Amino acid sequence: MQGLQSLSSALTTTPNPRLRLGPSLFFQSSTKRTAFSPSIWSKKLSVKCEYFQQQRLTTPTAPNNSFSSQTPGGGGTLPPRYFVGHSIYKGKAALTVEPRAPEFTPLDSGAFKLSKEGFVLLQFAPAAGVRQYDWSRKQVFSLSVTEIGTIVSLGKKDSCEFFHDPFKGKSEEGKVRKVLKVEPLPDGSGHFFNLSVQNKLVNVDESIYIPITRAEYTVLVSAFNFILPYILGWHAFANSIKPEDTGRVNNANSRYGGDFEWSR
């Protein structure tokens, strides 16, 4: 009892203690246990008292998500821009592949609407010597999302061809003709990328081809698969989704009938 009184006195003078009693009270016999001899039991009190000093925890400021802050309407300070690309160098030519971002138009409601899908820019430069390329003579070809899908889905023996007229629907229509062919190599080890450009405006008629090995083609396909949702602009939508907005978005789009299908 004297030990318990001392503990009670300590608790009244110590601020905010946290106690752990384990076990709170137990009896242990120093001799043979006998139900008819309680006097031989010894009483032992085990008290474990721990004190914790509360400290102020400071959480470091999380860095800005550079990707989400680039999303339309994301707000905040825009992070540095990054320019990326992948190049393949061969004896006859070099090929550089670069993604281009989609474009968004602001609406009166404060939202943003996709106005132009992104694309992948192919740049072909003919060789000017050993490991030297004349980029002043480069020819470019922009792959749309559908054309990217075609290249990604090509088999080892498949081929495809794309035709572009940059001035289609304008007064200069027909004066610039671009044809990109992707064909399998004869030994099946990869594909040829062949770009032919006829430009009557500057009197240019040039054809640049470069062999792409199977490993190099696999790298291109992997990069195309990764970047495709981003040049579609779907990342902006995904970053803007909030759980509490789900119902409002579904109601707003009910006129399209998409949610009606799932509510049956």
C-alpha atoms as a PDB file:
ATOM      1  CA  MET A   1       0.000   0.000   0.000  1.00  0.00           C
ATOM      2  CA  GLN A   2       2.871   2.316   0.734  1.00  0.00           C
ATOM      3  CA  GLY A   3       4.164   1.730  -2.850  1.00  0.00           C
ATOM      4  CA  LEU A   4       0.769   2.589  -4.334  1.00  0.00           C
ATOM      5  CA  GLN A   5       0.554   5.769  -2.270  1.00  0.00           C
ATOM      6  CA  SER A   6       4.003   6.829  -3.540  1.00  0.00           C
ATOM      7  CA  LEU A   7       2.926   6.174  -7.124  1.00  0.00           C
ATOM      8  CA  SER A   8      -0.289   8.191  -6.614  1.00  0.00           C
ATOM      9  CA  SER A   9       1.760  11.079  -5.218  1.00  0.00           C
ATOM     10  CA  ALA A  10       4.110  10.976  -8.241  1.00  0.00           C
ATOM     11  CA  LEU A  11       1.208  11.088 -10.683  1.00  0.00           C
ATOM     12  CA  THR A  12      -0.207  14.252  -9.112  1.00  0.00           C
ATOM     13  CA  THR A  13       3.117  16.097  -9.489  1.00  0.00           C
ATOM     14  CA  THR A  14       4.103  14.869 -12.967  1.00  0.00           C
ATOM     15  CA  PRO A  15       2.296  16.499 -15.962  1.00  0.00           C
ATOM     16  CA  ASN A  16       0.523  14.225 -18.435  1.00  0.00           C
ATOM     17  CA  PRO A  17       2.185  10.888 -17.623  1.00  0.00           C
ATOM     18  CA  ARG A  18       1.396   7.768 -19.643  1.00  0.00           C
ATOM     19  CA  LEU A  19       1.408   4.619 -17.569  1.00  0.00           C
ATOM     20  CA  ARG A  20       1.828   1.058 -18.662  1.00  0.00           C
ATOM     21  CA  LEU A  21       1.019  -1.500 -15.916  1.00  0.00           C
ATOM     22  CA  GLY A  22       2.076  -4.991 -16.770  1.00  0.00           C
ATOM     23  CA  PRO A  23       0.908  -6.979 -15.075  1.00  0.00           C
ATOM     24  CA  SER A  24      -0.936  -4.559 -12.834  1.00  0.00           C
ATOM     25  CA  LEU A  25      -0.934  -6.831  -9.787  1.00  0.00           C
ATOM     26  CA  PHE A  26       0.060 -10.442  -9.337  1.00  0.00           C
ATOM     27  CA  PHE A  27       0.942 -12.868  -6.590  1.00  0.00           C
ATOM     28  CA  GLN A  28       3.777 -15.315  -6.694  1.00  0.00           C
ATOM     29  CA  SER A  29       4.396 -18.042  -4.128  1.00  0.00           C
ATOM     30  CA  SER A  30       7.915 -18.626  -2.902  1.00  0.00           C
ATOM     31  CA  THR A  31       6.890 -22.065  -1.613  1.00  0.00           C
ATOM     32  CA  LYS A  32       4.453 -24.751  -2.599  1.00  0.00           C
ATOM     33  CA  ARG A  33       1.028 -23.348  -3.365  1.00  0.00           C
ATOM     34  CA  THR A  34      -1.566 -24.375  -0.762  1.00  0.00           C
ATOM     35  CA  ALA A  35      -5.144 -23.288  -0.914  1.00  0.00           C
ATOM     36  CA  PHE A  36      -5.422 -23.445   2.926  1.00  0.00           C
ATOM     37  CA  SER A  37      -2.279 -21.434   3.721  1.00  0.00           C
ATOM     38  CA  PRO A  38      -2.730 -17.887   2.353  1.00  0.00           C
ATOM     39  CA  SER A  39      -0.136 -16.557   4.761  1.00  0.00           C
ATOM     40  CA  ILE A  40       2.691 -18.139   2.772  1.00  0.00           C
ATOM     41  CA  TRP A  41       1.860 -16.072  -0.354  1.00  0.00           C
ATOM     42  CA  SER A  42       4.016 -13.080  -0.923  1.00  0.00           C
ATOM     43  CA  LYS A  43       2.519  -9.992  -2.548  1.00  0.00           C
ATOM     44  CA  LYS A  44       4.549  -8.381  -5.309  1.00  0.00           C
ATOM     45  CA  LEU A  45       3.626  -5.221  -7.198  1.00  0.00           C
ATOM     46  CA  SER A  46       5.129  -4.592 -10.608  1.00  0.00           C
ATOM     47  CA  VAL A  47       4.645  -1.103 -12.015  1.00  0.00           C
ATOM     48  CA  LYS A  48       6.248   0.198 -15.183  1.00  0.00           C
ATOM     49  CA  CYS A  49       5.862   3.911 -15.718  1.00  0.00           C
ATOM     50  CA  GLU A  50       6.953   5.634 -18.917  1.00  0.00           C
ATOM     51  CA  TYR A  51       6.920   9.340 -19.634  1.00  0.00           C
ATOM     52  CA  PHE A  52       6.768  10.763 -23.132  1.00  0.00           C
ATOM     53  CA  GLN A  53       7.544  14.341 -23.885  1.00  0.00           C
ATOM     54  CA  GLN A  54       5.340  15.543 -26.697  1.00  0.00           C
ATOM     55  CA  GLN A  55       7.345  17.146 -29.485  1.00  0.00           C
ATOM     56  CA  ARG A  56       6.104  19.404 -32.207  1.00  0.00           C
ATOM     57  CA  LEU A  57       6.326  17.560 -35.488  1.00  0.00           C
ATOM     58  CA  THR A  58       7.086  19.580 -38.558  1.00  0.00           C
ATOM     59  CA  THR A  59       6.147  18.080 -41.908  1.00  0.00           C
ATOM     60  CA  PRO A  60       8.389  19.187 -44.776  1.00  0.00           C
ATOM     61  CA  THR A  61       6.622  20.913 -47.612  1.00  0.00           C
ATOM     62  CA  ALA A  62       5.950  18.460 -50.405  1.00  0.00           C
ATOM     63  CA  PRO A  63       7.529  19.426 -53.725  1.00  0.00           C
ATOM     64  CA  ASN A  64       5.239  20.564 -56.500  1.00  0.00           C
ATOM     65  CA  ASN A  65       4.179  17.857 -58.873  1.00  0.00           C
ATOM     66  CA  SER A  66       5.773  19.176 -62.028  1.00  0.00           C
ATOM     67  CA  PHE A  67       3.430  17.213 -64.233  1.00  0.00           C
ATOM     68  CA  SER A  68       0.180  18.172 -62.498  1.00  0.00           C
ATOM     69  CA  SER A  69       1.178  21.841 -62.386  1.00  0.00           C
ATOM     70  CA  GLN A  70       1.516  21.748 -66.155  1.00  0.00           C
ATOM     71  CA  THR A  71      -2.036  20.530 -66.436  1.00  0.00           C
ATOM     72  CA  PRO A  72      -4.460  23.240 -67.631  1.00  0.00           C
ATOM     73  CA  GLY A  73      -5.948  25.007 -64.654  1.00  0.00           C
ATOM     74  CA  GLY A  74      -3.433  23.403 -62.307  1.00  0.00           C
ATOM     75  CA  GLY A  75      -2.320  26.787 -60.964  1.00  0.00           C
ATOM     76  CA  GLY A  76       0.911  27.484 -59.170  1.00  0.00           C
ATOM     77  CA  THR A  77       4.293  28.228 -60.595  1.00  0.00           C
ATOM     78  CA  LEU A  78       5.133  26.288 -63.703  1.00  0.00           C
ATOM     79  CA  PRO A  79       8.234  24.095 -63.375  1.00  0.00           C
ATOM     80  CA  PRO A  80      11.085  24.151 -65.910  1.00  0.00           C
ATOM     81  CA  ARG A  81      10.197  22.650 -69.260  1.00  0.00           C
ATOM     82  CA  TYR A  82      11.916  19.496 -70.423  1.00  0.00           C
ATOM     83  CA  PHE A  83      12.800  18.654 -74.012  1.00  0.00           C
ATOM     84  CA  VAL A  84      13.378  14.983 -74.746  1.00  0.00           C
ATOM     85  CA  GLY A  85      14.071  12.851 -77.767  1.00  0.00           C
ATOM     86  CA  HIS A  86      15.560   9.587 -78.913  1.00  0.00           C
ATOM     87  CA  SER A  87      18.052   9.321 -81.772  1.00  0.00           C
ATOM     88  CA  ILE A  88      19.237   6.458 -83.953  1.00  0.00           C
ATOM     89  CA  TYR A  89      22.442   6.904 -85.956  1.00  0.00           C
ATOM     90  CA  LYS A  90      23.376   4.806 -88.963  1.00  0.00           C
ATOM     91  CA  GLY A  91      25.845   5.096 -91.809  1.00  0.00           C
ATOM     92  CA  LYS A  92      23.424   6.664 -94.311  1.00  0.00           C
ATOM     93  CA  ALA A  93      21.235   8.771 -92.050  1.00  0.00           C
ATOM     94  CA  ALA A  94      20.107   9.635 -88.540  1.00  0.00           C
ATOM     95  CA  LEU A  95      16.605   9.590 -87.091  1.00  0.00           C
ATOM     96  CA  THR A  96      15.419  11.619 -84.113  1.00  0.00           C
ATOM     97  CA  VAL A  97      12.043  10.981 -82.442  1.00  0.00           C
ATOM     98  CA  GLU A  98      10.471  13.712 -80.294  1.00  0.00           C
ATOM     99  CA  PRO A  99       7.015  13.961 -78.661  1.00  0.00           C
ATOM    100  CA  ARG A 100       4.922  17.104 -78.973  1.00  0.00           C
ATOM    101  CA  ALA A 101       2.317  18.065 -76.364  1.00  0.00           C
ATOM    102  CA  PRO A 102      -1.419  18.542 -77.031  1.00  0.00           C
ATOM    103  CA  GLU A 103      -3.071  21.945 -76.940  1.00  0.00           C
ATOM    104  CA  PHE A 104      -6.018  23.041 -74.780  1.00  0.00           C
ATOM    105  CA  THR A 105      -8.490  25.906 -75.156  1.00  0.00           C
ATOM    106  CA  PRO A 106      -9.990  27.626 -72.077  1.00  0.00           C
ATOM    107  CA  LEU A 107     -13.787  27.676 -71.802  1.00  0.00           C
ATOM    108  CA  ASP A 108     -16.029  30.316 -70.237  1.00  0.00           C
ATOM    109  CA  SER A 109     -16.756  27.915 -67.378  1.00  0.00           C
ATOM    110  CA  GLY A 110     -13.090  27.917 -66.380  1.00  0.00           C
ATOM    111  CA  ALA A 111     -12.517  24.403 -67.691  1.00  0.00           C
ATOM    112  CA  PHE A 112     -10.259  23.463 -70.583  1.00  0.00           C
ATOM    113  CA  LYS A 113     -11.053  21.575 -73.767  1.00  0.00           C
ATOM    114  CA  LEU A 114      -8.630  19.679 -75.966  1.00  0.00           C
ATOM    115  CA  SER A 115      -8.214  21.683 -79.158  1.00  0.00           C
ATOM    116  CA  LYS A 116      -5.371  19.784 -80.815  1.00  0.00           C
ATOM    117  CA  GLU A 117      -3.917  16.368 -80.154  1.00  0.00           C
ATOM    118  CA  GLY A 118      -0.192  16.009 -79.732  1.00  0.00           C
ATOM    119  CA  PHE A 119       2.004  14.061 -82.109  1.00  0.00           C
ATOM    120  CA  VAL A 120       5.426  12.476 -82.497  1.00  0.00           C
ATOM    121  CA  LEU A 121       7.881  14.321 -84.709  1.00  0.00           C
ATOM    122  CA  LEU A 122      10.291  12.285 -86.835  1.00  0.00           C
ATOM    123  CA  GLN A 123      13.380  14.102 -88.119  1.00  0.00           C
ATOM    124  CA  PHE A 124      15.534  12.492 -90.792  1.00  0.00           C
ATOM    125  CA  ALA A 125      19.020  13.856 -91.555  1.00  0.00           C
ATOM    126  CA  PRO A 126      21.259  12.479 -94.329  1.00  0.00           C
ATOM    127  CA  ALA A 127      24.863  11.568 -93.559  1.00  0.00           C
ATOM    128  CA  ALA A 128      27.553  14.124 -94.439  1.00  0.00           C
ATOM    129  CA  GLY A 129      30.534  11.945 -93.545  1.00  0.00           C
ATOM    130  CA  VAL A 130      31.624   9.375 -91.020  1.00  0.00           C
ATOM    131  CA  ARG A 131      29.428   9.905 -87.957  1.00  0.00           C
ATOM    132  CA  GLN A 132      28.433  13.308 -89.311  1.00  0.00           C
ATOM    133  CA  TYR A 133      24.945  14.357 -90.379  1.00  0.00           C
ATOM    134  CA  ASP A 134      23.665  17.371 -92.252  1.00  0.00           C
ATOM    135  CA  TRP A 135      20.782  18.615 -90.099  1.00  0.00           C
ATOM    136  CA  SER A 136      20.339  21.646 -92.371  1.00  0.00           C
ATOM    137  CA  ARG A 137      18.916  19.193 -94.925  1.00  0.00           C
ATOM    138  CA  LYS A 138      16.690  17.393 -92.474  1.00  0.00           C
ATOM    139  CA  GLN A 139      13.192  16.350 -93.442  1.00  0.00           C
ATOM    140  CA  VAL A 140      10.392  16.025 -90.894  1.00  0.00           C
ATOM    141  CA  PHE A 141       7.266  13.930 -90.619  1.00  0.00           C
ATOM    142  CA  SER A 142       4.619  14.232 -87.897  1.00  0.00           C
ATOM    143  CA  LEU A 143       2.988  11.003 -86.742  1.00  0.00           C
ATOM    144  CA  SER A 144      -0.619  11.347 -85.594  1.00  0.00           C
ATOM    145  CA  VAL A 145      -2.035   9.170 -82.816  1.00  0.00           C
ATOM    146  CA  THR A 146      -3.618   6.829 -85.374  1.00  0.00           C
ATOM    147  CA  GLU A 147      -0.381   6.507 -87.321  1.00  0.00           C
ATOM    148  CA  ILE A 148       1.471   5.792 -84.079  1.00  0.00           C
ATOM    149  CA  GLY A 149      -1.045   3.028 -83.400  1.00  0.00           C
ATOM    150  CA  THR A 150      -0.356   1.571 -86.841  1.00  0.00           C
ATOM    151  CA  ILE A 151       3.409   1.479 -86.277  1.00  0.00           C
ATOM    152  CA  VAL A 152       2.998  -0.012 -82.809  1.00  0.00           C
ATOM    153  CA  SER A 153       0.812  -2.825 -84.163  1.00  0.00           C
ATOM    154  CA  LEU A 154       3.141  -3.839 -87.006  1.00  0.00           C
ATOM    155  CA  GLY A 155       4.340  -7.421 -87.032  1.00  0.00           C
ATOM    156  CA  LYS A 156       7.796  -8.568 -88.015  1.00  0.00           C
ATOM    157  CA  LYS A 157       6.761  -8.963 -91.656  1.00  0.00           C
ATOM    158  CA  ASP A 158       4.216  -6.139 -91.865  1.00  0.00           C
ATOM    159  CA  SER A 159       4.586  -2.790 -93.592  1.00  0.00           C
ATOM    160  CA  CYS A 160       2.702   0.500 -93.729  1.00  0.00           C
ATOM    161  CA  GLU A 161       2.695   3.749 -95.696  1.00  0.00           C
ATOM    162  CA  PHE A 162       1.557   7.263 -94.753  1.00  0.00           C
ATOM    163  CA  PHE A 163       0.965  10.220 -97.057  1.00  0.00           C
ATOM    164  CA  HIS A 164       0.974  13.848 -95.880  1.00  0.00           C
ATOM    165  CA  ASP A 165       0.203  17.088 -97.647  1.00  0.00           C
ATOM    166  CA  PRO A 166       0.930  19.925 -95.155  1.00  0.00           C
ATOM    167  CA  PHE A 167      -1.065  22.368 -97.298  1.00  0.00           C
ATOM    168  CA  LYS A 168      -4.127  20.209 -97.841  1.00  0.00           C
ATOM    169  CA  GLY A 169      -7.194  22.433 -98.181  1.00  0.00           C
ATOM    170  CA  LYS A 170      -5.067  25.525 -98.881  1.00  0.00           C
ATOM    171  CA  SER A 171      -3.964  27.288-102.017  1.00  0.00           C
ATOM    172  CA  GLU A 172      -0.598  25.465-101.956  1.00  0.00           C
ATOM    173  CA  GLU A 173      -2.225  22.036-101.850  1.00  0.00           C
ATOM    174  CA  GLY A 174      -0.296  19.458-103.862  1.00  0.00           C
ATOM    175  CA  LYS A 175       2.968  21.410-103.879  1.00  0.00           C
ATOM    176  CA  VAL A 176       4.446  19.459-100.948  1.00  0.00           C
ATOM    177  CA  ARG A 177       4.204  15.694-100.866  1.00  0.00           C
ATOM    178  CA  LYS A 178       5.547  13.537 -98.046  1.00  0.00           C
ATOM    179  CA  VAL A 179       5.470   9.739 -97.997  1.00  0.00           C
ATOM    180  CA  LEU A 180       6.721   7.650 -95.084  1.00  0.00           C
ATOM    181  CA  LYS A 181       7.145   3.923 -95.632  1.00  0.00           C
ATOM    182  CA  VAL A 182       7.906   1.407 -92.906  1.00  0.00           C
ATOM    183  CA  GLU A 183       8.888  -1.935 -94.424  1.00  0.00           C
ATOM    184  CA  PRO A 184      10.480  -5.103 -93.036  1.00  0.00           C
ATOM    185  CA  LEU A 185      14.163  -5.729 -93.689  1.00  0.00           C
ATOM    186  CA  PRO A 186      14.792  -8.645 -96.092  1.00  0.00           C
ATOM    187  CA  ASP A 187      16.360 -10.804 -93.378  1.00  0.00           C
ATOM    188  CA  GLY A 188      13.568 -10.051 -90.902  1.00  0.00           C
ATOM    189  CA  SER A 189      15.930  -8.352 -88.437  1.00  0.00           C
ATOM    190  CA  GLY A 190      14.015  -5.083 -88.300  1.00  0.00           C
ATOM    191  CA  HIS A 191      12.368  -2.415 -90.467  1.00  0.00           C
ATOM    192  CA  PHE A 192      13.317   0.257 -92.980  1.00  0.00           C
ATOM    193  CA  PHE A 193      12.064   3.792 -92.360  1.00  0.00           C
ATOM    194  CA  ASN A 194      12.015   5.602 -95.705  1.00  0.00           C
ATOM    195  CA  LEU A 195      10.883   9.237 -96.013  1.00  0.00           C
ATOM    196  CA  SER A 196      10.391  10.733 -99.461  1.00  0.00           C
ATOM    197  CA  VAL A 197       9.752  14.474 -99.786  1.00  0.00           C
ATOM    198  CA  GLN A 198       8.808  16.393-102.919  1.00  0.00           C
ATOM    199  CA  ASN A 199       8.624  20.124-102.283  1.00  0.00           C
ATOM    200  CA  LYS A 200       7.910  22.204-105.365  1.00  0.00           C
ATOM    201  CA  LEU A 201       7.987  25.414-103.339  1.00  0.00           C
ATOM    202  CA  VAL A 202      11.740  25.161-102.734  1.00  0.00           C
ATOM    203  CA  ASN A 203      12.561  22.667-105.522  1.00  0.00           C
ATOM    204  CA  VAL A 204      13.461  19.761-103.233  1.00  0.00           C
ATOM    205  CA  ASP A 205      13.133  16.085-104.116  1.00  0.00           C
ATOM    206  CA  GLU A 206      14.821  13.896-101.564  1.00  0.00           C
ATOM    207  CA  SER A 207      14.529  10.418-100.134  1.00  0.00           C
ATOM    208  CA  ILE A 208      16.129   9.434 -96.830  1.00  0.00           C
ATOM    209  CA  TYR A 209      16.040   5.903 -95.479  1.00  0.00           C
ATOM    210  CA  ILE A 210      17.435   4.323 -92.351  1.00  0.00           C
ATOM    211  CA  PRO A 211      17.411   0.683 -91.204  1.00  0.00           C
ATOM    212  CA  ILE A 212      16.000   0.092 -87.717  1.00  0.00           C
ATOM    213  CA  THR A 213      16.982  -3.113 -85.940  1.00  0.00           C
ATOM    214  CA  ARG A 214      14.466  -5.175 -84.031  1.00  0.00           C
ATOM    215  CA  ALA A 215      15.873  -3.938 -80.702  1.00  0.00           C
ATOM    216  CA  GLU A 216      15.709  -0.312 -81.829  1.00  0.00           C
ATOM    217  CA  TYR A 217      12.184  -0.834 -83.114  1.00  0.00           C
ATOM    218  CA  THR A 218      11.193  -2.327 -79.751  1.00  0.00           C
ATOM    219  CA  VAL A 219      12.471   0.806 -78.004  1.00  0.00           C
ATOM    220  CA  LEU A 220      10.394   2.998 -80.335  1.00  0.00           C
ATOM    221  CA  VAL A 221       7.269   0.908 -79.772  1.00  0.00           C
ATOM    222  CA  SER A 222       7.732   1.070 -76.002  1.00  0.00           C
ATOM    223  CA  ALA A 223       8.173   4.856 -76.120  1.00  0.00           C
ATOM    224  CA  PHE A 224       5.131   5.247 -78.377  1.00  0.00           C
ATOM    225  CA  ASN A 225       2.964   3.134 -76.069  1.00  0.00           C
ATOM    226  CA  PHE A 226       4.010   5.205 -73.081  1.00  0.00           C
ATOM    227  CA  ILE A 227       3.489   8.650 -74.611  1.00  0.00           C
ATOM    228  CA  LEU A 228       0.246   7.936 -76.477  1.00  0.00           C
ATOM    229  CA  PRO A 229      -2.193   8.757 -73.607  1.00  0.00           C
ATOM    230  CA  TYR A 230      -0.288  11.980 -72.935  1.00  0.00           C
ATOM    231  CA  ILE A 231      -0.466  13.323 -76.485  1.00  0.00           C
ATOM    232  CA  LEU A 232      -4.172  12.452 -76.395  1.00  0.00           C
ATOM    233  CA  GLY A 233      -4.448  14.799 -73.420  1.00  0.00           C
ATOM    234  CA  TRP A 234      -5.926  12.145 -71.145  1.00  0.00           C
ATOM    235  CA  HIS A 235      -3.325  12.840 -68.444  1.00  0.00           C
ATOM    236  CA  ALA A 236      -4.864  16.290 -67.906  1.00  0.00           C
ATOM    237  CA  PHE A 237      -8.269  14.736 -67.284  1.00  0.00           C
ATOM    238  CA  ALA A 238      -6.838  12.056 -64.972  1.00  0.00           C
ATOM    239  CA  ASN A 239      -4.979  14.651 -62.890  1.00  0.00           C
ATOM    240  CA  SER A 240      -8.137  16.745 -62.507  1.00  0.00           C
ATOM    241  CA  ILE A 241     -10.319  13.933 -61.134  1.00  0.00           C
ATOM    242  CA  LYS A 242     -11.427  14.326 -57.508  1.00  0.00           C
ATOM    243  CA  PRO A 243     -13.573  11.766 -55.657  1.00  0.00           C
ATOM    244  CA  GLU A 244     -16.179  14.363 -54.695  1.00  0.00           C
ATOM    245  CA  ASP A 245     -16.483  15.481 -58.324  1.00  0.00           C
ATOM    246  CA  THR A 246     -17.354  12.055 -59.716  1.00  0.00           C
ATOM    247  CA  GLY A 247     -21.109  12.439 -59.285  1.00  0.00           C
ATOM    248  CA  ARG A 248     -21.152  15.925 -60.734  1.00  0.00           C
ATOM    249  CA  VAL A 249     -19.146  14.859 -63.794  1.00  0.00           C
ATOM    250  CA  ASN A 250     -21.457  11.900 -64.447  1.00  0.00           C
ATOM    251  CA  ASN A 251     -24.519  14.124 -64.187  1.00  0.00           C
ATOM    252  CA  ALA A 252     -23.000  16.704 -66.483  1.00  0.00           C
ATOM    253  CA  ASN A 253     -22.307  14.056 -69.111  1.00  0.00           C
ATOM    254  CA  SER A 254     -25.634  12.262 -68.771  1.00  0.00           C
ATOM    255  CA  ARG A 255     -26.837  13.677 -72.051  1.00  0.00           C
ATOM    256  CA  TYR A 256     -24.312  11.475 -73.819  1.00  0.00           C
ATOM    257  CA  GLY A 257     -25.962   8.353 -72.460  1.00  0.00           C
ATOM    258  CA  GLY A 258     -22.766   6.765 -71.110  1.00  0.00           C
ATOM    259  CA  ASP A 259     -23.913   6.555 -67.501  1.00  0.00           C
ATOM    260  CA  PHE A 260     -27.369   5.378 -68.590  1.00  0.00           C
ATOM    261  CA  GLU A 261     -25.825   2.144 -69.859  1.00  0.00           C
ATOM    262  CA  TRP A 262     -24.353   1.373 -66.430  1.00  0.00           C
ATOM    263  CA  SER A 263     -27.490   2.366 -64.507  1.00  0.00           C
ATOM    264  CA  ARG A 264     -29.675  -0.312 -66.083  1.00  0.00           C
END
